Amino acid sequence: SKKMRLGQVLQFSGNFRAKAIVSIVDILQFLYVISHSSSHQLFEGLKAYPGDHKRLRLFRPMLNIKHMYKEKLLECIRRLVEIDQDWVSNADLYIRPTFISTEPSLGVKKPAHALLYVIMCLLGPYFDNKTGVLALWADPPKYTRAWKGGTGDCKMGGNYGCSLSAQYEAVDYGCQQVLWLHGEDHQITEAGTMNIFLHWINEHGDEELATPPQDDIILPGVTRQKFEVTERYLTMSQLFSALKQQRVKEMFGSGTACMIRPTGPTEIKDIQVGGCTDTCSLT
C-alpha cells in the first residue's frame, strides 16, 4: 500500500491516538523489516571494567559473543571501547552487540539481509532494592520461560517480550524477579535473567554448590565459568525438603549485568509439593 495510519500508544495505558496518515515510502525500510514480525533478532551482553591507568578491560569477550561473528566483531568492539575510553571514566561499561534482519518483507523466512551493530552504556545498579537480596516469584502453571527444542539458550529477541507479563506480576507480589520453573516436576531453571545456584547439604549429606545443567532452556553463563559447581537438575520438591530440614545455606544468581546477587524470600503460586499448597512463601 502507498499510505498507512500512523499513531502512538500513550504511556503504556492502551490508549491509542491517531496522529496522521503519511506516505509509507518515507519509512518503508524501517516498517517492513522482517525482524519486527518474526523476531529475527539476536543480541549479547558483555562488560568492560576500568583497571590500572584507567584502561578498560573486556571481560571474557569470546565467551559472550560465541553465537556471532567472533574475530571481526571482537575487533570492532575493541576499537569502539578504545575510542570511547575517556568518556567511560571509572564506571563499568555495558556492551551490547545486536544482530537483526533488515530485509523488507512480510514473509516468515530466513532473511537475506541483516545488520550487526554494537551499542554501549554506562552501568549503574541493576536492581533498585536497598537490601541487595532479591525476592523471587513463580507461577509454574501459568508461565514458562523456555522449553526443550527452543531458543532458551540464546539471547533471541522473542525470548524476552513474552517474559514481561510474569515480571510485572512478580512486582505486584512485592518481588524483584521471576523464578522460572519447567516441567511437571517444577525444575528450577533461572532467576529472572540470571543463572541460579543452590549452596546446600544435598540428599547424601555432602556440601554442594549446585546449579541446573546448561541445556537448551538455560542461558550459558559467562560470570559462572570459574565456579566449582555440580550441574544437576533441581526441583522445587527438593528445595522444599532441604529448607524443611535446614540444609539450605544460600541461594544466589549470577549474570553479566547484575554480576552475583543473593536471593531471599520466594513466593510460589499454585504449586503443590512438599506440603505447601496454593500460594506459599519460602524464607
C-alpha atoms as a PDB file:
ATOM      1  CA  SER A   1       0.000   0.000   0.000  1.00  0.00           C
ATOM      2  CA  LYS A   2       1.083   3.613  -0.525  1.00  0.00           C
ATOM      3  CA  LYS A   3      -0.410   5.051   2.652  1.00  0.00           C
ATOM      4  CA  MET A   4      -0.534   3.984   6.277  1.00  0.00           C
ATOM      5  CA  ARG A   5      -2.089   5.103   9.551  1.00  0.00           C
ATOM      6  CA  LEU A   6       0.492   6.437  11.985  1.00  0.00           C
ATOM      7  CA  GLY A   7      -0.333   6.531  15.693  1.00  0.00           C
ATOM      8  CA  GLN A   8       1.120   6.088  19.133  1.00  0.00           C
ATOM      9  CA  VAL A   9       0.279   4.303  22.354  1.00  0.00           C
ATOM     10  CA  LEU A  10       0.184   6.661  25.312  1.00  0.00           C
ATOM     11  CA  GLN A  11       2.170   5.786  28.448  1.00  0.00           C
ATOM     12  CA  PHE A  12       1.525   2.048  28.116  1.00  0.00           C
ATOM     13  CA  SER A  13      -2.108   2.673  29.109  1.00  0.00           C
ATOM     14  CA  GLY A  14      -3.505   1.040  25.999  1.00  0.00           C
ATOM     15  CA  ASN A  15      -4.986   4.325  24.746  1.00  0.00           C
ATOM     16  CA  PHE A  16      -4.224   4.803  21.066  1.00  0.00           C
ATOM     17  CA  ARG A  17      -4.121   8.212  19.429  1.00  0.00           C
ATOM     18  CA  ALA A  18      -4.073   8.520  15.661  1.00  0.00           C
ATOM     19  CA  LYS A  19      -1.582  11.147  14.546  1.00  0.00           C
ATOM     20  CA  ALA A  20      -1.602  11.239  10.773  1.00  0.00           C
ATOM     21  CA  ILE A  21      -1.897   9.412   7.506  1.00  0.00           C
ATOM     22  CA  VAL A  22       1.519   9.531   5.911  1.00  0.00           C
ATOM     23  CA  SER A  23       3.287   8.224   2.871  1.00  0.00           C
ATOM     24  CA  ILE A  24       4.714   4.790   3.523  1.00  0.00           C
ATOM     25  CA  VAL A  25       7.662   5.447   1.226  1.00  0.00           C
ATOM     26  CA  ASP A  26       9.429   7.646   3.788  1.00  0.00           C
ATOM     27  CA  ILE A  27       9.782   4.891   6.373  1.00  0.00           C
ATOM     28  CA  LEU A  28       9.352   1.811   4.204  1.00  0.00           C
ATOM     29  CA  GLN A  29      12.693   0.266   5.109  1.00  0.00           C
ATOM     30  CA  PHE A  30      12.013   0.531   8.820  1.00  0.00           C
ATOM     31  CA  LEU A  31       8.422  -0.703   8.738  1.00  0.00           C
ATOM     32  CA  TYR A  32       8.834  -3.738   6.566  1.00  0.00           C
ATOM     33  CA  VAL A  33      11.982  -5.269   8.040  1.00  0.00           C
ATOM     34  CA  ILE A  34      11.223  -8.875   8.811  1.00  0.00           C
ATOM     35  CA  SER A  35      12.695  -8.708  12.321  1.00  0.00           C
ATOM     36  CA  HIS A  36       9.667  -6.728  13.568  1.00  0.00           C
ATOM     37  CA  SER A  37       7.189  -9.505  12.924  1.00  0.00           C
ATOM     38  CA  SER A  38       9.292 -12.672  13.073  1.00  0.00           C
ATOM     39  CA  SER A  39      11.803 -11.732  15.807  1.00  0.00           C
ATOM     40  CA  HIS A  40      14.894 -12.264  13.697  1.00  0.00           C
ATOM     41  CA  GLN A  41      16.958 -10.703  16.461  1.00  0.00           C
ATOM     42  CA  LEU A  42      19.996 -11.902  18.363  1.00  0.00           C
ATOM     43  CA  PHE A  43      21.910  -9.910  20.930  1.00  0.00           C
ATOM     44  CA  GLU A  44      24.600 -10.413  23.522  1.00  0.00           C
ATOM     45  CA  GLY A  45      25.857  -8.518  26.524  1.00  0.00           C
ATOM     46  CA  LEU A  46      29.369  -8.135  27.848  1.00  0.00           C
ATOM     47  CA  LYS A  47      31.203  -5.729  30.091  1.00  0.00           C
ATOM     48  CA  ALA A  48      34.418  -3.793  30.292  1.00  0.00           C
ATOM     49  CA  TYR A  49      35.916  -2.833  33.639  1.00  0.00           C
ATOM     50  CA  PRO A  50      38.286   0.054  34.411  1.00  0.00           C
ATOM     51  CA  GLY A  51      41.708  -1.102  35.531  1.00  0.00           C
ATOM     52  CA  ASP A  52      45.162   0.336  36.061  1.00  0.00           C
ATOM     53  CA  HIS A  53      45.853   3.668  34.344  1.00  0.00           C
ATOM     54  CA  LYS A  54      42.077   3.902  33.610  1.00  0.00           C
ATOM     55  CA  ARG A  55      42.372   1.349  30.847  1.00  0.00           C
ATOM     56  CA  LEU A  56      39.239  -0.657  30.151  1.00  0.00           C
ATOM     57  CA  ARG A  57      39.464  -4.434  30.119  1.00  0.00           C
ATOM     58  CA  LEU A  58      36.927  -6.612  28.339  1.00  0.00           C
ATOM     59  CA  PHE A  59      35.641  -9.465  30.495  1.00  0.00           C
ATOM     60  CA  ARG A  60      35.704 -12.834  28.677  1.00  0.00           C
ATOM     61  CA  PRO A  61      34.503 -11.366  25.371  1.00  0.00           C
ATOM     62  CA  MET A  62      34.898 -14.525  23.259  1.00  0.00           C
ATOM     63  CA  LEU A  63      32.546 -16.434  25.549  1.00  0.00           C
ATOM     64  CA  ASN A  64      29.926 -13.711  25.289  1.00  0.00           C
ATOM     65  CA  ILE A  65      29.906 -13.419  21.508  1.00  0.00           C
ATOM     66  CA  LYS A  66      30.241 -17.077  20.584  1.00  0.00           C
ATOM     67  CA  HIS A  67      26.880 -17.017  18.739  1.00  0.00           C
ATOM     68  CA  MET A  68      28.082 -14.188  16.474  1.00  0.00           C
ATOM     69  CA  TYR A  69      30.927 -13.469  14.103  1.00  0.00           C
ATOM     70  CA  LYS A  70      33.745 -13.710  16.591  1.00  0.00           C
ATOM     71  CA  GLU A  71      37.045 -12.347  15.335  1.00  0.00           C
ATOM     72  CA  LYS A  72      35.807  -9.379  13.294  1.00  0.00           C
ATOM     73  CA  LEU A  73      33.180  -8.472  15.875  1.00  0.00           C
ATOM     74  CA  LEU A  74      35.700  -8.575  18.702  1.00  0.00           C
ATOM     75  CA  GLU A  75      37.993  -6.213  16.831  1.00  0.00           C
ATOM     76  CA  CYS A  76      35.071  -3.822  16.247  1.00  0.00           C
ATOM     77  CA  ILE A  77      34.212  -3.895  19.941  1.00  0.00           C
ATOM     78  CA  ARG A  78      37.823  -3.375  20.947  1.00  0.00           C
ATOM     79  CA  ARG A  79      38.113  -0.353  18.671  1.00  0.00           C
ATOM     80  CA  LEU A  80      34.812   1.141  19.857  1.00  0.00           C
ATOM     81  CA  VAL A  81      35.807   0.778  23.511  1.00  0.00           C
ATOM     82  CA  GLU A  82      39.187   2.305  22.751  1.00  0.00           C
ATOM     83  CA  ILE A  83      37.589   5.358  21.116  1.00  0.00           C
ATOM     84  CA  ASP A  84      35.133   5.949  23.992  1.00  0.00           C
ATOM     85  CA  GLN A  85      37.540   5.084  26.789  1.00  0.00           C
ATOM     86  CA  ASP A  86      37.835   8.658  28.123  1.00  0.00           C
ATOM     87  CA  TRP A  87      34.047   9.011  28.231  1.00  0.00           C
ATOM     88  CA  VAL A  88      33.698   5.979  30.487  1.00  0.00           C
ATOM     89  CA  SER A  89      35.694   7.382  33.436  1.00  0.00           C
ATOM     90  CA  ASN A  90      35.567   4.963  36.406  1.00  0.00           C
ATOM     91  CA  ALA A  91      32.239   3.271  35.668  1.00  0.00           C
ATOM     92  CA  ASP A  92      31.661  -0.203  34.310  1.00  0.00           C
ATOM     93  CA  LEU A  93      30.755  -0.281  30.636  1.00  0.00           C
ATOM     94  CA  TYR A  94      27.964  -2.482  29.281  1.00  0.00           C
ATOM     95  CA  ILE A  95      28.384  -3.502  25.638  1.00  0.00           C
ATOM     96  CA  ARG A  96      25.549  -4.888  23.523  1.00  0.00           C
ATOM     97  CA  PRO A  97      26.274  -6.424  20.113  1.00  0.00           C
ATOM     98  CA  THR A  98      22.994  -6.814  18.228  1.00  0.00           C
ATOM     99  CA  PHE A  99      22.167  -8.705  15.046  1.00  0.00           C
ATOM    100  CA  ILE A 100      18.839  -8.016  13.301  1.00  0.00           C
ATOM    101  CA  SER A 101      17.380  -8.819   9.919  1.00  0.00           C
ATOM    102  CA  THR A 102      16.849  -5.799   7.666  1.00  0.00           C
ATOM    103  CA  GLU A 103      15.188  -7.384   4.662  1.00  0.00           C
ATOM    104  CA  PRO A 104      11.914  -5.566   3.826  1.00  0.00           C
ATOM    105  CA  SER A 105       9.418  -8.415   3.752  1.00  0.00           C
ATOM    106  CA  LEU A 106       6.210  -9.595   5.419  1.00  0.00           C
ATOM    107  CA  GLY A 107       7.056 -13.260   4.869  1.00  0.00           C
ATOM    108  CA  VAL A 108       8.200 -15.740   7.506  1.00  0.00           C
ATOM    109  CA  LYS A 109      11.552 -16.879   6.165  1.00  0.00           C
ATOM    110  CA  LYS A 110      15.278 -16.737   6.574  1.00  0.00           C
ATOM    111  CA  PRO A 111      16.293 -13.135   5.823  1.00  0.00           C
ATOM    112  CA  ALA A 112      18.754 -12.316   3.056  1.00  0.00           C
ATOM    113  CA  HIS A 113      19.978  -9.072   4.654  1.00  0.00           C
ATOM    114  CA  ALA A 114      20.975  -8.261   8.213  1.00  0.00           C
ATOM    115  CA  LEU A 115      22.625  -5.586  10.316  1.00  0.00           C
ATOM    116  CA  LEU A 116      25.204  -6.201  13.020  1.00  0.00           C
ATOM    117  CA  TYR A 117      25.847  -3.267  15.325  1.00  0.00           C
ATOM    118  CA  VAL A 118      27.273  -2.546  18.776  1.00  0.00           C
ATOM    119  CA  ILE A 119      25.934  -0.021  21.303  1.00  0.00           C
ATOM    120  CA  MET A 120      27.218   0.761  24.796  1.00  0.00           C
ATOM    121  CA  CYS A 121      26.131   2.433  28.018  1.00  0.00           C
ATOM    122  CA  LEU A 122      27.492   3.135  31.477  1.00  0.00           C
ATOM    123  CA  LEU A 123      26.247   0.621  34.006  1.00  0.00           C
ATOM    124  CA  GLY A 124      24.660   1.602  37.303  1.00  0.00           C
ATOM    125  CA  PRO A 125      22.837  -0.580  39.854  1.00  0.00           C
ATOM    126  CA  TYR A 126      20.921  -3.322  38.054  1.00  0.00           C
ATOM    127  CA  PHE A 127      18.273  -3.675  40.777  1.00  0.00           C
ATOM    128  CA  ASP A 128      16.797  -0.849  42.839  1.00  0.00           C
ATOM    129  CA  ASN A 129      16.111  -2.751  46.064  1.00  0.00           C
ATOM    130  CA  LYS A 130      18.122  -1.410  49.003  1.00  0.00           C
ATOM    131  CA  THR A 131      18.960  -4.697  50.722  1.00  0.00           C
ATOM    132  CA  GLY A 132      20.635  -6.269  47.710  1.00  0.00           C
ATOM    133  CA  VAL A 133      18.732  -9.526  48.342  1.00  0.00           C
ATOM    134  CA  LEU A 134      16.299 -10.397  45.561  1.00  0.00           C
ATOM    135  CA  ALA A 135      12.841 -11.726  46.308  1.00  0.00           C
ATOM    136  CA  LEU A 136      11.673 -14.276  43.715  1.00  0.00           C
ATOM    137  CA  TRP A 137       8.193 -15.179  42.489  1.00  0.00           C
ATOM    138  CA  ALA A 138       6.961 -18.164  40.486  1.00  0.00           C
ATOM    139  CA  ASP A 139       3.683 -19.270  38.913  1.00  0.00           C
ATOM    140  CA  PRO A 140       4.611 -22.510  37.109  1.00  0.00           C
ATOM    141  CA  PRO A 141       1.170 -23.429  35.772  1.00  0.00           C
ATOM    142  CA  LYS A 142       0.899 -20.034  34.078  1.00  0.00           C
ATOM    143  CA  TYR A 143       4.395 -19.030  32.940  1.00  0.00           C
ATOM    144  CA  THR A 144       7.327 -20.858  31.333  1.00  0.00           C
ATOM    145  CA  ARG A 145      10.411 -19.040  30.063  1.00  0.00           C
ATOM    146  CA  ALA A 146      11.747 -21.685  27.688  1.00  0.00           C
ATOM    147  CA  TRP A 147      11.163 -25.235  26.517  1.00  0.00           C
ATOM    148  CA  LYS A 148      13.056 -28.174  25.098  1.00  0.00           C
ATOM    149  CA  GLY A 149      13.967 -27.709  21.457  1.00  0.00           C
ATOM    150  CA  GLY A 150      13.504 -23.937  21.657  1.00  0.00           C
ATOM    151  CA  THR A 151      15.893 -20.986  21.817  1.00  0.00           C
ATOM    152  CA  GLY A 152      16.147 -20.592  25.589  1.00  0.00           C
ATOM    153  CA  ASP A 153      19.928 -20.942  25.435  1.00  0.00           C
ATOM    154  CA  CYS A 154      20.312 -17.893  23.160  1.00  0.00           C
ATOM    155  CA  LYS A 155      19.517 -14.212  23.617  1.00  0.00           C
ATOM    156  CA  MET A 156      16.873 -14.095  20.923  1.00  0.00           C
ATOM    157  CA  GLY A 157      14.545 -11.102  20.903  1.00  0.00           C
ATOM    158  CA  GLY A 158      11.437 -13.269  21.029  1.00  0.00           C
ATOM    159  CA  ASN A 159      12.513 -14.835  24.323  1.00  0.00           C
ATOM    160  CA  TYR A 160      12.204 -11.624  26.297  1.00  0.00           C
ATOM    161  CA  GLY A 161       8.988  -9.910  25.280  1.00  0.00           C
ATOM    162  CA  CYS A 162       6.954 -12.929  26.344  1.00  0.00           C
ATOM    163  CA  SER A 163       8.528 -12.877  29.821  1.00  0.00           C
ATOM    164  CA  LEU A 164       7.402  -9.364  30.756  1.00  0.00           C
ATOM    165  CA  SER A 165       3.896 -10.280  31.943  1.00  0.00           C
ATOM    166  CA  ALA A 166       5.405 -12.607  34.531  1.00  0.00           C
ATOM    167  CA  GLN A 167       7.931  -9.972  35.582  1.00  0.00           C
ATOM    168  CA  TYR A 168       5.251  -7.347  36.190  1.00  0.00           C
ATOM    169  CA  GLU A 169       3.142  -9.838  38.107  1.00  0.00           C
ATOM    170  CA  ALA A 170       6.170 -10.624  40.282  1.00  0.00           C
ATOM    171  CA  VAL A 171       6.485  -6.923  41.090  1.00  0.00           C
ATOM    172  CA  ASP A 172       2.802  -6.855  42.086  1.00  0.00           C
ATOM    173  CA  TYR A 173       3.641  -9.532  44.676  1.00  0.00           C
ATOM    174  CA  GLY A 174       6.495  -7.414  46.035  1.00  0.00           C
ATOM    175  CA  CYS A 175       9.244  -9.433  44.309  1.00  0.00           C
ATOM    176  CA  GLN A 176      12.066  -8.295  42.030  1.00  0.00           C
ATOM    177  CA  GLN A 177      12.476 -11.289  39.748  1.00  0.00           C
ATOM    178  CA  VAL A 178      10.730 -14.395  38.436  1.00  0.00           C
ATOM    179  CA  LEU A 179      11.923 -17.834  39.488  1.00  0.00           C
ATOM    180  CA  TRP A 180      11.467 -19.743  36.240  1.00  0.00           C
ATOM    181  CA  LEU A 181      10.325 -23.344  36.647  1.00  0.00           C
ATOM    182  CA  HIS A 182       9.973 -26.028  33.992  1.00  0.00           C
ATOM    183  CA  GLY A 183       8.013 -29.249  33.622  1.00  0.00           C
ATOM    184  CA  GLU A 184       5.536 -31.103  35.784  1.00  0.00           C
ATOM    185  CA  ASP A 185       8.185 -31.665  38.471  1.00  0.00           C
ATOM    186  CA  HIS A 186       8.867 -27.896  38.600  1.00  0.00           C
ATOM    187  CA  GLN A 187      12.548 -27.940  37.759  1.00  0.00           C
ATOM    188  CA  ILE A 188      14.349 -24.773  38.827  1.00  0.00           C
ATOM    189  CA  THR A 189      15.935 -23.188  35.758  1.00  0.00           C
ATOM    190  CA  GLU A 190      16.756 -19.483  36.117  1.00  0.00           C
ATOM    191  CA  ALA A 191      16.085 -16.462  38.340  1.00  0.00           C
ATOM    192  CA  GLY A 192      14.990 -13.666  36.041  1.00  0.00           C
ATOM    193  CA  THR A 193      17.898 -13.247  33.628  1.00  0.00           C
ATOM    194  CA  MET A 194      20.382 -14.957  35.959  1.00  0.00           C
ATOM    195  CA  ASN A 195      21.737 -18.462  36.345  1.00  0.00           C
ATOM    196  CA  ILE A 196      20.711 -19.705  39.783  1.00  0.00           C
ATOM    197  CA  PHE A 197      22.823 -21.552  42.350  1.00  0.00           C
ATOM    198  CA  LEU A 198      21.973 -23.512  45.475  1.00  0.00           C
ATOM    199  CA  HIS A 199      24.567 -23.880  48.227  1.00  0.00           C
ATOM    200  CA  TRP A 200      23.271 -26.705  50.403  1.00  0.00           C
ATOM    201  CA  ILE A 201      23.814 -30.064  52.036  1.00  0.00           C
ATOM    202  CA  ASN A 202      22.466 -32.467  49.446  1.00  0.00           C
ATOM    203  CA  GLU A 203      20.422 -35.640  49.957  1.00  0.00           C
ATOM    204  CA  HIS A 204      23.602 -37.651  50.592  1.00  0.00           C
ATOM    205  CA  GLY A 205      24.889 -35.337  53.313  1.00  0.00           C
ATOM    206  CA  ASP A 206      27.538 -33.684  51.125  1.00  0.00           C
ATOM    207  CA  GLU A 207      28.057 -29.928  50.952  1.00  0.00           C
ATOM    208  CA  GLU A 208      27.459 -28.871  47.375  1.00  0.00           C
ATOM    209  CA  LEU A 209      27.112 -25.829  45.150  1.00  0.00           C
ATOM    210  CA  ALA A 210      24.521 -26.993  42.639  1.00  0.00           C
ATOM    211  CA  THR A 211      23.111 -25.378  39.524  1.00  0.00           C
ATOM    212  CA  PRO A 212      20.896 -26.648  36.691  1.00  0.00           C
ATOM    213  CA  PRO A 213      22.775 -28.008  33.668  1.00  0.00           C
ATOM    214  CA  GLN A 214      23.246 -25.696  30.709  1.00  0.00           C
ATOM    215  CA  ASP A 215      20.858 -27.363  28.306  1.00  0.00           C
ATOM    216  CA  ASP A 216      18.695 -25.692  25.653  1.00  0.00           C
ATOM    217  CA  ILE A 217      16.407 -23.951  28.162  1.00  0.00           C
ATOM    218  CA  ILE A 218      19.135 -22.149  30.141  1.00  0.00           C
ATOM    219  CA  LEU A 219      21.468 -19.391  29.002  1.00  0.00           C
ATOM    220  CA  PRO A 220      25.097 -20.498  29.265  1.00  0.00           C
ATOM    221  CA  GLY A 221      26.510 -18.177  31.896  1.00  0.00           C
ATOM    222  CA  VAL A 222      29.852 -16.436  31.497  1.00  0.00           C
ATOM    223  CA  THR A 223      30.195 -14.990  35.007  1.00  0.00           C
ATOM    224  CA  ARG A 224      29.868 -18.521  36.409  1.00  0.00           C
ATOM    225  CA  GLN A 225      32.704 -20.022  34.371  1.00  0.00           C
ATOM    226  CA  LYS A 226      35.163 -20.318  37.280  1.00  0.00           C
ATOM    227  CA  PHE A 227      32.649 -21.590  39.829  1.00  0.00           C
ATOM    228  CA  GLU A 228      33.231 -25.122  41.073  1.00  0.00           C
ATOM    229  CA  VAL A 229      29.699 -26.459  40.738  1.00  0.00           C
ATOM    230  CA  THR A 230      27.740 -29.652  40.401  1.00  0.00           C
ATOM    231  CA  GLU A 231      25.439 -29.442  37.407  1.00  0.00           C
ATOM    232  CA  ARG A 232      22.238 -31.300  38.231  1.00  0.00           C
ATOM    233  CA  TYR A 233      18.508 -30.888  37.860  1.00  0.00           C
ATOM    234  CA  LEU A 234      16.941 -29.280  40.929  1.00  0.00           C
ATOM    235  CA  THR A 235      13.227 -29.355  41.659  1.00  0.00           C
ATOM    236  CA  MET A 236      11.017 -27.362  43.977  1.00  0.00           C
ATOM    237  CA  SER A 237      10.249 -30.562  45.867  1.00  0.00           C
ATOM    238  CA  GLN A 238      13.946 -30.991  46.648  1.00  0.00           C
ATOM    239  CA  LEU A 239      14.214 -27.353  47.694  1.00  0.00           C
ATOM    240  CA  PHE A 240      11.166 -27.600  49.963  1.00  0.00           C
ATOM    241  CA  SER A 241      12.600 -30.691  51.657  1.00  0.00           C
ATOM    242  CA  ALA A 242      16.022 -29.091  52.104  1.00  0.00           C
ATOM    243  CA  LEU A 243      14.500 -25.956  53.622  1.00  0.00           C
ATOM    244  CA  LYS A 244      12.361 -28.006  55.976  1.00  0.00           C
ATOM    245  CA  GLN A 245      15.438 -29.939  57.100  1.00  0.00           C
ATOM    246  CA  GLN A 246      17.543 -26.749  57.316  1.00  0.00           C
ATOM    247  CA  ARG A 247      20.042 -27.972  54.729  1.00  0.00           C
ATOM    248  CA  VAL A 248      19.991 -24.796  52.593  1.00  0.00           C
ATOM    249  CA  LYS A 249      22.915 -22.459  53.223  1.00  0.00           C
ATOM    250  CA  GLU A 250      22.419 -19.914  50.466  1.00  0.00           C
ATOM    251  CA  MET A 251      20.840 -19.242  47.085  1.00  0.00           C
ATOM    252  CA  PHE A 252      22.162 -16.688  44.611  1.00  0.00           C
ATOM    253  CA  GLY A 253      22.077 -15.754  40.956  1.00  0.00           C
ATOM    254  CA  SER A 254      24.789 -14.639  38.550  1.00  0.00           C
ATOM    255  CA  GLY A 255      24.698 -12.794  35.262  1.00  0.00           C
ATOM    256  CA  THR A 256      26.656 -10.391  33.098  1.00  0.00           C
ATOM    257  CA  ALA A 257      24.863  -7.173  34.046  1.00  0.00           C
ATOM    258  CA  CYS A 258      23.953  -8.000  37.658  1.00  0.00           C
ATOM    259  CA  MET A 259      27.129  -9.996  38.475  1.00  0.00           C
ATOM    260  CA  ILE A 260      26.329 -12.024  41.643  1.00  0.00           C
ATOM    261  CA  ARG A 261      23.217 -11.340  43.699  1.00  0.00           C
ATOM    262  CA  PRO A 262      21.825 -13.247  46.712  1.00  0.00           C
ATOM    263  CA  THR A 263      18.205 -14.351  46.551  1.00  0.00           C
ATOM    264  CA  GLY A 264      15.891 -14.291  49.508  1.00  0.00           C
ATOM    265  CA  PRO A 265      12.170 -14.854  50.109  1.00  0.00           C
ATOM    266  CA  THR A 266      10.372 -16.707  47.322  1.00  0.00           C
ATOM    267  CA  GLU A 267       6.657 -16.575  46.537  1.00  0.00           C
ATOM    268  CA  ILE A 268       5.377 -19.756  44.871  1.00  0.00           C
ATOM    269  CA  LYS A 269       1.866 -19.604  43.451  1.00  0.00           C
ATOM    270  CA  ASP A 270      -0.441 -22.576  42.812  1.00  0.00           C
ATOM    271  CA  ILE A 271       2.132 -25.295  43.421  1.00  0.00           C
ATOM    272  CA  GLN A 272       1.536 -28.473  45.409  1.00  0.00           C
ATOM    273  CA  VAL A 273       4.758 -30.077  46.592  1.00  0.00           C
ATOM    274  CA  GLY A 274       6.362 -30.739  49.942  1.00  0.00           C
ATOM    275  CA  GLY A 275       3.200 -29.986  51.900  1.00  0.00           C
ATOM    276  CA  CYS A 276       2.913 -26.451  50.504  1.00  0.00           C
ATOM    277  CA  THR A 277      -0.251 -25.753  48.548  1.00  0.00           C
ATOM    278  CA  ASP A 278      -1.734 -22.777  46.756  1.00  0.00           C
ATOM    279  CA  THR A 279       0.348 -19.603  47.256  1.00  0.00           C
ATOM    280  CA  CYS A 280       3.134 -20.011  49.792  1.00  0.00           C
ATOM    281  CA  SER A 281       6.387 -18.365  50.827  1.00  0.00           C
ATOM    282  CA  LEU A 282       9.908 -19.683  51.221  1.00  0.00           C
ATOM    283  CA  THR A 283      12.180 -17.702  53.518  1.00  0.00           C
END
